[in-house]
N, C-alpha and C. Protein backbone atom coordinates (compact mmCIF):
# COMPACT_ATOMS: atom_id res chain seq x y z
N MET A 1 82.83 101.43 79.76
CA MET A 1 83.76 101.73 80.82
C MET A 1 85.15 101.87 80.25
N GLY A 2 85.95 102.83 80.74
CA GLY A 2 87.28 103.10 80.22
C GLY A 2 88.30 102.05 80.64
N LYS A 3 89.46 102.13 80.00
CA LYS A 3 90.54 101.20 80.31
C LYS A 3 91.07 101.48 81.71
N ARG A 4 91.23 100.43 82.49
CA ARG A 4 91.72 100.57 83.84
C ARG A 4 93.24 100.73 83.83
N SER A 5 93.75 101.66 84.64
CA SER A 5 95.19 101.86 84.74
C SER A 5 95.83 100.71 85.49
N LYS A 6 97.07 100.43 85.15
CA LYS A 6 97.80 99.36 85.81
C LYS A 6 98.16 99.74 87.23
N SER A 7 97.90 98.82 88.15
CA SER A 7 98.35 99.02 89.52
C SER A 7 99.87 98.94 89.55
N GLN A 8 100.48 99.67 90.47
CA GLN A 8 101.92 99.66 90.66
C GLN A 8 102.20 98.85 91.93
N HIS A 9 102.94 97.78 91.79
CA HIS A 9 103.23 96.88 92.92
C HIS A 9 104.63 97.15 93.45
N VAL A 10 104.76 97.22 94.78
CA VAL A 10 106.05 97.31 95.45
C VAL A 10 106.31 95.91 96.00
N VAL A 11 107.37 95.27 95.48
CA VAL A 11 107.64 93.87 95.81
C VAL A 11 109.09 93.67 96.27
N PRO A 12 109.33 92.66 97.13
CA PRO A 12 110.70 92.39 97.57
C PRO A 12 111.53 91.81 96.42
N ARG A 13 112.79 92.24 96.33
CA ARG A 13 113.71 91.77 95.29
C ARG A 13 115.14 91.72 95.81
N ASP A 14 115.75 90.56 95.83
CA ASP A 14 117.19 90.41 96.10
C ASP A 14 117.70 91.30 97.23
N GLY A 15 117.04 91.26 98.37
CA GLY A 15 117.48 92.05 99.51
C GLY A 15 117.05 93.51 99.44
N GLY A 16 116.35 93.89 98.38
CA GLY A 16 115.86 95.26 98.24
C GLY A 16 114.39 95.23 97.85
N TRP A 17 113.98 96.24 97.11
CA TRP A 17 112.58 96.39 96.72
C TRP A 17 112.49 96.85 95.28
N ALA A 18 111.39 96.51 94.62
CA ALA A 18 111.19 96.92 93.23
C ALA A 18 109.76 97.42 93.04
N VAL A 19 109.62 98.28 92.02
CA VAL A 19 108.31 98.72 91.56
C VAL A 19 108.06 98.00 90.25
N ARG A 20 106.88 97.41 90.13
CA ARG A 20 106.52 96.71 88.90
C ARG A 20 105.08 97.00 88.56
N GLY A 21 104.83 97.42 87.33
CA GLY A 21 103.47 97.64 86.86
C GLY A 21 102.75 96.31 86.70
N GLU A 22 101.48 96.29 87.07
CA GLU A 22 100.68 95.06 86.97
C GLU A 22 100.74 94.50 85.56
N GLY A 23 101.07 93.22 85.45
CA GLY A 23 101.13 92.55 84.16
C GLY A 23 102.45 92.70 83.42
N ASN A 24 103.35 93.53 83.92
CA ASN A 24 104.65 93.71 83.28
C ASN A 24 105.57 92.54 83.59
N GLU A 25 106.45 92.21 82.65
CA GLU A 25 107.41 91.13 82.87
C GLU A 25 108.64 91.62 83.62
N ARG A 26 108.94 92.90 83.50
CA ARG A 26 110.14 93.45 84.13
C ARG A 26 109.79 94.48 85.20
N ASP A 27 110.70 94.61 86.16
CA ASP A 27 110.56 95.66 87.17
C ASP A 27 110.76 97.01 86.51
N THR A 28 110.01 98.01 86.96
CA THR A 28 110.20 99.37 86.47
C THR A 28 111.50 99.94 87.01
N LYS A 29 111.73 99.73 88.31
CA LYS A 29 112.95 100.22 88.95
C LYS A 29 113.16 99.47 90.25
N ARG A 30 114.42 99.36 90.68
CA ARG A 30 114.76 98.70 91.95
C ARG A 30 115.35 99.70 92.93
N PHE A 31 115.13 99.41 94.21
CA PHE A 31 115.58 100.30 95.28
C PHE A 31 116.14 99.48 96.43
N ARG A 32 116.97 100.12 97.25
CA ARG A 32 117.49 99.45 98.45
C ARG A 32 116.47 99.48 99.57
N ARG A 33 115.71 100.59 99.67
CA ARG A 33 114.75 100.74 100.77
C ARG A 33 113.32 100.67 100.26
N GLN A 34 112.44 100.05 101.06
CA GLN A 34 111.04 99.94 100.67
C GLN A 34 110.42 101.32 100.54
N LYS A 35 110.76 102.24 101.43
CA LYS A 35 110.19 103.59 101.39
C LYS A 35 110.45 104.26 100.04
N ASP A 36 111.66 104.11 99.52
CA ASP A 36 111.98 104.71 98.22
C ASP A 36 111.14 104.08 97.10
N ALA A 37 110.93 102.78 97.18
CA ALA A 37 110.10 102.10 96.17
C ALA A 37 108.64 102.56 96.27
N VAL A 38 108.15 102.71 97.50
CA VAL A 38 106.77 103.18 97.70
C VAL A 38 106.62 104.60 97.16
N ASP A 39 107.59 105.46 97.44
CA ASP A 39 107.53 106.84 96.94
C ASP A 39 107.48 106.87 95.41
N ALA A 40 108.31 106.06 94.77
CA ALA A 40 108.34 106.02 93.30
C ALA A 40 107.03 105.46 92.75
N ALA A 41 106.53 104.38 93.35
CA ALA A 41 105.27 103.78 92.91
C ALA A 41 104.11 104.77 93.07
N THR A 42 104.14 105.55 94.15
CA THR A 42 103.09 106.54 94.39
C THR A 42 103.10 107.62 93.32
N ARG A 43 104.29 108.09 92.95
CA ARG A 43 104.38 109.11 91.88
C ARG A 43 103.79 108.58 90.57
N ILE A 44 104.15 107.34 90.23
CA ILE A 44 103.64 106.73 89.00
C ILE A 44 102.12 106.58 89.08
N ALA A 45 101.62 106.07 90.21
CA ALA A 45 100.18 105.83 90.37
C ALA A 45 99.39 107.13 90.31
N LYS A 46 99.91 108.19 90.92
CA LYS A 46 99.21 109.47 90.86
C LYS A 46 99.13 109.96 89.42
N ASN A 47 100.20 109.81 88.67
CA ASN A 47 100.25 110.23 87.28
C ASN A 47 99.29 109.42 86.41
N LYS A 48 99.19 108.12 86.69
CA LYS A 48 98.35 107.23 85.89
C LYS A 48 96.96 107.02 86.49
N ARG A 49 96.71 107.67 87.64
CA ARG A 49 95.43 107.51 88.34
C ARG A 49 95.17 106.03 88.61
N ALA A 50 96.13 105.40 89.25
CA ALA A 50 96.10 103.96 89.49
C ALA A 50 96.23 103.67 90.99
N GLU A 51 96.47 102.42 91.31
CA GLU A 51 96.58 101.98 92.69
C GLU A 51 98.00 101.52 92.98
N VAL A 52 98.47 101.75 94.22
CA VAL A 52 99.74 101.21 94.69
C VAL A 52 99.43 100.03 95.59
N VAL A 53 100.05 98.90 95.30
CA VAL A 53 99.87 97.69 96.11
C VAL A 53 101.22 97.38 96.74
N ILE A 54 101.28 97.46 98.07
CA ILE A 54 102.54 97.26 98.79
C ILE A 54 102.56 95.86 99.38
N HIS A 55 103.60 95.10 99.01
CA HIS A 55 103.77 93.74 99.50
C HIS A 55 104.80 93.74 100.63
N GLY A 56 104.66 92.81 101.56
CA GLY A 56 105.65 92.64 102.62
C GLY A 56 106.78 91.75 102.15
N ARG A 57 107.77 91.54 103.03
CA ARG A 57 108.91 90.66 102.69
C ARG A 57 108.45 89.26 102.30
N ASP A 58 107.31 88.82 102.86
CA ASP A 58 106.80 87.49 102.56
C ASP A 58 106.03 87.44 101.23
N GLY A 59 105.92 88.60 100.57
CA GLY A 59 105.24 88.67 99.28
C GLY A 59 103.74 88.91 99.38
N ARG A 60 103.19 88.83 100.59
CA ARG A 60 101.75 89.04 100.77
C ARG A 60 101.42 90.53 100.78
N ILE A 61 100.25 90.86 100.26
CA ILE A 61 99.82 92.26 100.22
C ILE A 61 99.57 92.74 101.64
N ARG A 62 100.16 93.90 101.98
CA ARG A 62 99.94 94.45 103.32
C ARG A 62 99.25 95.80 103.29
N GLU A 63 99.20 96.44 102.12
CA GLU A 63 98.55 97.76 102.04
C GLU A 63 98.22 98.07 100.59
N ARG A 64 97.13 98.85 100.42
CA ARG A 64 96.73 99.34 99.09
C ARG A 64 96.37 100.81 99.22
N ASN A 65 96.81 101.60 98.24
CA ASN A 65 96.45 103.02 98.20
C ASN A 65 96.02 103.35 96.79
N SER A 66 94.86 103.97 96.66
CA SER A 66 94.30 104.27 95.35
C SER A 66 94.44 105.75 95.02
N TYR A 67 94.86 106.03 93.79
CA TYR A 67 95.00 107.40 93.31
C TYR A 67 94.20 107.61 92.03
N GLY A 68 93.22 106.74 91.80
CA GLY A 68 92.40 106.84 90.61
C GLY A 68 90.97 107.14 90.96
N LYS A 69 90.09 106.82 90.04
CA LYS A 69 88.66 107.00 90.26
C LYS A 69 88.13 105.81 91.02
N ASP A 70 87.84 106.00 92.28
CA ASP A 70 87.29 104.92 93.10
C ASP A 70 85.80 104.78 92.83
N PRO A 71 85.32 103.54 92.78
CA PRO A 71 83.88 103.36 92.62
C PRO A 71 83.14 103.82 93.88
N PHE A 72 81.98 104.43 93.70
CA PHE A 72 81.19 104.82 94.86
C PHE A 72 79.79 104.26 94.66
N PRO A 73 79.23 103.50 95.55
CA PRO A 73 79.89 103.08 96.79
C PRO A 73 80.99 102.08 96.51
N PRO A 74 81.95 101.95 97.44
CA PRO A 74 83.06 101.01 97.22
C PRO A 74 82.56 99.59 97.09
N ARG A 75 83.21 98.82 96.24
CA ARG A 75 82.86 97.42 96.06
C ARG A 75 83.45 96.59 97.19
N GLY A 76 82.72 95.52 97.57
CA GLY A 76 83.19 94.52 98.51
C GLY A 76 83.60 95.06 99.79
């Protein structure tokens, strides 16, 4: 099986939002609006065939969007 692409997480940061690749120590980029962070994460995920994981203000995952090779049938 091939190497899995890193998911791109949209997370709350200092009154704004950030995009961070899964397992990275630093944010890729920060934004004032969540929509802008989601748009940037989506561009990265489409390019890397990965998943976007959107967190709410409380840090909990509220949405996932996949742009890679999804398993069929879906797991779980």
